[in-house]
Amino acid sequence: MKNTASPNRPIRVVLADDHDLVRSGIKALLSLVDGVEVVAEARNGSELVTLVDALRPEVVMTDISMPGMDGIAAIAEIHARHPDVRLLVLSMYDTVDFVKRAVASGACGYLMKDAPPFELEQSIRSVMATGTYFSPVIAQRLLQPSEPSASDELTDRQVEILKLIAQGKASKEIAYELGLSPKTVDVHRARIMERLRLNDIASLTRYAVRKGLVKP
């Protein structure tokens, strides 16, 4: 049975963001919108999936970068379980790679965290009425040619190691966390630098932030 809001009840929304203040701000803005009700909030992807399973909202509005299960993984999981739930991304990342990953995982809309408040209502109304919403900034980005994603340029293991390097962890810490030897981590780091044509940790960190592997 399709999960759509009836005229007699509000559009139920579940919010997900690991920053309490951001979530509170979005919730406060949505509370001013007629016919929209925030029914639950999550701090990470795992919580979000559990809440959607329990509540079956009409709309999910989620950040991408969250601890544990991130927003992209949560979107994919929810879309597989509940294809009728509208999945909206609210993110600080506006790169084509991010948008395409989100859409490929099941998102039907994408807007920026610095969007004007009226866009929150507009995005929810639009995904309920037409099935999609992309803010003007994102629509413009999608017209531009995309650059390769981290997974296009690196192996899964290299992406994993790059994330930890960008978090400021030393080879010994990374080795312990991944069950590798420090020497193996050093070899991976050298190959990552060679593949990306970057020469220092600062450049690797900037790359990881740009690709959305770690938060700024």
Protein backbone atom coordinates (compact mmCIF):
# COMPACT_ATOMS: atom_id res chain seq x y z
CA MET A 1 0.00 0.00 0.00
CA LYS A 2 1.40 3.40 -1.00
CA ASN A 3 2.57 5.68 1.75
CA THR A 4 1.10 9.07 0.82
CA ALA A 5 -0.26 11.82 2.99
CA SER A 6 -4.03 12.25 2.97
CA PRO A 7 -5.64 15.72 2.84
CA ASN A 8 -6.73 15.23 6.46
CA ARG A 9 -3.34 14.68 7.98
CA PRO A 10 0.01 16.46 7.79
CA ILE A 11 2.98 15.39 5.69
CA ARG A 12 5.12 13.56 8.24
CA VAL A 13 8.84 14.27 8.08
CA VAL A 14 11.81 12.56 9.75
CA LEU A 15 14.98 14.69 10.05
CA ALA A 16 18.55 13.37 10.24
CA ASP A 17 21.64 15.42 11.06
CA ASP A 18 24.40 14.79 13.57
CA HIS A 19 24.39 18.44 14.70
CA ASP A 20 21.66 19.07 17.26
CA LEU A 21 21.52 22.81 16.58
CA VAL A 22 21.12 22.29 12.83
CA ARG A 23 18.33 19.77 13.39
CA SER A 24 16.59 22.08 15.86
CA GLY A 25 16.77 24.97 13.39
CA ILE A 26 15.30 22.93 10.54
CA LYS A 27 12.58 21.57 12.82
CA ALA A 28 11.70 25.09 13.98
CA LEU A 29 11.40 26.31 10.39
CA LEU A 30 9.27 23.32 9.36
CA SER A 31 6.99 23.85 12.37
CA LEU A 32 5.91 27.11 10.71
CA VAL A 33 4.79 25.29 7.56
CA ASP A 34 1.09 24.40 7.34
CA GLY A 35 0.42 20.71 6.85
CA VAL A 36 3.95 19.55 7.70
CA GLU A 37 4.93 17.79 10.93
CA VAL A 38 8.39 16.62 12.06
CA VAL A 39 7.63 13.29 13.75
CA ALA A 40 11.17 12.18 14.67
CA GLU A 41 14.86 13.12 14.53
CA ALA A 42 18.00 11.02 14.03
CA ARG A 43 21.69 11.73 14.66
CA ASN A 44 23.05 9.13 12.21
CA GLY A 45 22.05 6.82 9.40
CA SER A 46 21.37 3.79 11.58
CA GLU A 47 18.95 5.72 13.77
CA LEU A 48 17.30 7.12 10.66
CA VAL A 49 16.69 3.67 9.11
CA THR A 50 15.21 2.40 12.39
CA LEU A 51 12.88 5.41 12.70
CA VAL A 52 11.67 5.13 9.11
CA ASP A 53 10.98 1.41 9.60
CA ALA A 54 8.87 2.24 12.66
CA LEU A 55 7.10 5.41 11.52
CA ARG A 56 6.85 5.17 7.72
CA PRO A 57 6.93 8.96 7.15
CA GLU A 58 6.12 10.53 3.81
CA VAL A 59 9.42 12.48 3.65
CA VAL A 60 12.93 12.01 5.00
CA MET A 61 15.25 15.02 5.09
CA THR A 62 18.82 13.96 5.77
CA ASP A 63 22.37 15.22 5.85
CA ILE A 64 24.99 13.14 4.02
CA SER A 65 28.01 13.31 6.30
CA MET A 66 27.15 11.61 9.61
CA PRO A 67 29.05 9.25 11.94
CA GLY A 68 28.64 5.49 11.54
CA MET A 69 26.21 4.88 8.68
CA ASP A 70 26.27 8.03 6.56
CA GLY A 71 23.35 9.62 4.73
CA ILE A 72 24.09 7.98 1.37
CA ALA A 73 24.09 4.47 2.90
CA ALA A 74 20.92 5.27 4.86
CA ILE A 75 19.18 6.57 1.73
CA ALA A 76 20.03 3.37 -0.15
CA GLU A 77 18.76 1.20 2.73
CA ILE A 78 15.52 3.16 3.15
CA HIS A 79 14.86 3.28 -0.60
CA ALA A 80 15.26 -0.49 -0.82
CA ARG A 81 12.86 -1.07 2.10
CA HIS A 82 10.38 1.75 1.53
CA PRO A 83 10.48 2.95 -2.10
CA ASP A 84 7.47 5.25 -1.55
CA VAL A 85 9.25 7.39 1.05
CA ARG A 86 10.53 10.64 -0.48
CA LEU A 87 14.20 11.09 0.35
CA LEU A 88 15.53 14.64 0.41
CA VAL A 89 19.19 15.53 0.97
CA LEU A 90 19.96 18.72 2.90
CA SER A 91 23.73 19.13 2.66
CA MET A 92 26.65 21.54 2.73
CA TYR A 93 28.20 19.68 -0.24
CA ASP A 94 27.25 20.88 -3.71
CA THR A 95 29.59 18.84 -5.92
CA VAL A 96 28.12 16.91 -8.83
CA ASP A 97 29.65 13.71 -7.48
CA PHE A 98 27.70 14.01 -4.22
CA VAL A 99 24.42 14.78 -5.93
CA LYS A 100 24.76 11.89 -8.37
CA ARG A 101 25.69 9.46 -5.58
CA ALA A 102 22.67 10.56 -3.59
CA VAL A 103 20.31 10.19 -6.55
CA ALA A 104 21.80 6.81 -7.50
CA SER A 105 21.10 5.65 -3.94
CA GLY A 106 17.44 6.71 -4.11
CA ALA A 107 17.28 10.42 -3.22
CA CYS A 108 14.63 12.36 -5.14
CA GLY A 109 15.70 15.83 -4.04
CA TYR A 110 18.74 17.85 -2.98
CA LEU A 111 19.11 21.29 -1.43
CA MET A 112 21.83 23.19 0.35
CA LYS A 113 22.01 24.00 4.06
CA ASP A 114 22.48 27.67 3.22
CA ALA A 115 19.30 27.74 1.10
CA PRO A 116 16.68 30.36 2.01
CA PRO A 117 14.08 29.06 4.51
CA PHE A 118 11.24 29.05 1.96
CA GLU A 119 13.11 26.32 0.04
CA LEU A 120 12.47 23.84 2.86
CA GLU A 121 8.73 24.10 2.30
CA GLN A 122 9.16 24.26 -1.47
CA SER A 123 11.26 21.07 -1.53
CA ILE A 124 8.73 19.08 0.52
CA ARG A 125 5.74 20.30 -1.51
CA SER A 126 7.60 19.54 -4.73
CA VAL A 127 8.66 15.98 -3.88
CA MET A 128 5.12 15.21 -2.72
CA ALA A 129 3.54 16.69 -5.87
CA THR A 130 6.04 15.83 -8.61
CA GLY A 131 8.42 13.33 -7.02
CA THR A 132 11.57 15.48 -7.30
CA TYR A 133 13.16 18.73 -6.15
CA PHE A 134 16.61 20.14 -6.91
CA SER A 135 17.48 23.63 -5.75
CA PRO A 136 18.59 26.08 -8.46
CA VAL A 137 22.20 25.88 -7.26
CA ILE A 138 22.21 22.08 -7.53
CA ALA A 139 20.42 22.09 -10.89
CA GLN A 140 23.14 24.41 -12.19
CA ARG A 141 25.87 22.10 -10.86
CA LEU A 142 24.29 19.13 -12.66
CA LEU A 143 24.73 20.95 -15.96
CA GLN A 144 28.48 21.08 -15.41
CA PRO A 145 30.77 18.16 -16.32
CA SER A 146 31.50 15.99 -13.29
CA GLU A 147 34.97 15.24 -12.01
CA PRO A 148 35.97 11.69 -11.06
CA SER A 149 34.85 10.49 -7.62
CA ALA A 150 37.31 9.16 -5.04
CA SER A 151 36.13 5.61 -5.79
CA ASP A 152 36.92 6.17 -9.49
CA GLU A 153 40.50 7.11 -8.66
CA LEU A 154 41.29 4.88 -5.67
CA THR A 155 40.60 1.35 -4.43
CA ASP A 156 38.16 0.82 -1.54
CA ARG A 157 41.08 0.17 0.82
CA GLN A 158 42.86 3.33 -0.33
CA VAL A 159 39.70 5.39 0.22
CA GLU A 160 39.43 3.89 3.71
CA ILE A 161 43.04 4.79 4.51
CA LEU A 162 42.73 8.26 2.99
CA LYS A 163 39.75 9.02 5.26
CA LEU A 164 41.83 8.12 8.33
CA ILE A 165 44.85 10.10 7.10
CA ALA A 166 42.59 13.13 6.58
CA GLN A 167 41.31 12.71 10.15
CA GLY A 168 44.89 13.28 11.31
CA LYS A 169 45.70 9.70 12.30
CA ALA A 170 49.28 8.42 12.15
CA SER A 171 50.33 5.24 10.32
CA LYS A 172 50.46 3.25 13.57
CA GLU A 173 46.92 4.29 14.54
CA ILE A 174 45.59 3.46 11.07
CA ALA A 175 47.41 0.13 11.07
CA TYR A 176 45.90 -0.80 14.45
CA GLU A 177 42.40 0.26 13.39
CA LEU A 178 42.48 -1.68 10.10
CA GLY A 179 44.51 -4.66 11.25
CA LEU A 180 47.44 -3.86 8.95
CA SER A 181 51.12 -3.30 9.53
CA PRO A 182 52.38 0.32 9.65
CA LYS A 183 54.61 -0.48 6.67
CA THR A 184 51.58 -1.57 4.61
CA VAL A 185 49.80 1.68 5.52
CA ASP A 186 52.86 3.66 4.39
CA VAL A 187 52.88 1.80 1.07
CA HIS A 188 49.20 2.57 0.56
CA ARG A 189 49.75 6.24 1.40
CA ALA A 190 52.59 6.46 -1.14
CA ARG A 191 50.39 4.87 -3.82
CA ILE A 192 47.50 7.20 -2.98
CA MET A 193 49.79 10.20 -3.38
CA GLU A 194 51.13 8.81 -6.64
CA ARG A 195 47.65 8.15 -8.06
CA LEU A 196 46.32 11.57 -7.07
CA ARG A 197 49.57 13.36 -7.90
CA LEU A 198 49.63 14.98 -4.48
CA ASN A 199 52.79 15.45 -2.45
CA ASP A 200 51.80 16.07 1.18
CA ILE A 201 49.25 15.27 3.87
CA ALA A 202 47.67 18.73 3.67
CA SER A 203 46.87 18.18 -0.03
CA LEU A 204 45.45 14.74 0.71
CA THR A 205 43.26 16.24 3.43
CA ARG A 206 41.95 18.96 1.10
CA TYR A 207 41.17 16.29 -1.51
CA ALA A 208 39.29 14.19 1.08
CA VAL A 209 37.22 17.21 2.17
CA ARG A 210 36.44 18.18 -1.44
CA LYS A 211 35.25 14.65 -2.20
CA GLY A 212 33.19 14.59 0.98
CA LEU A 213 35.14 11.75 2.61
CA VAL A 214 35.60 13.80 5.78
CA LYS A 215 34.05 16.96 7.17
CA PRO A 216 35.94 20.25 6.81
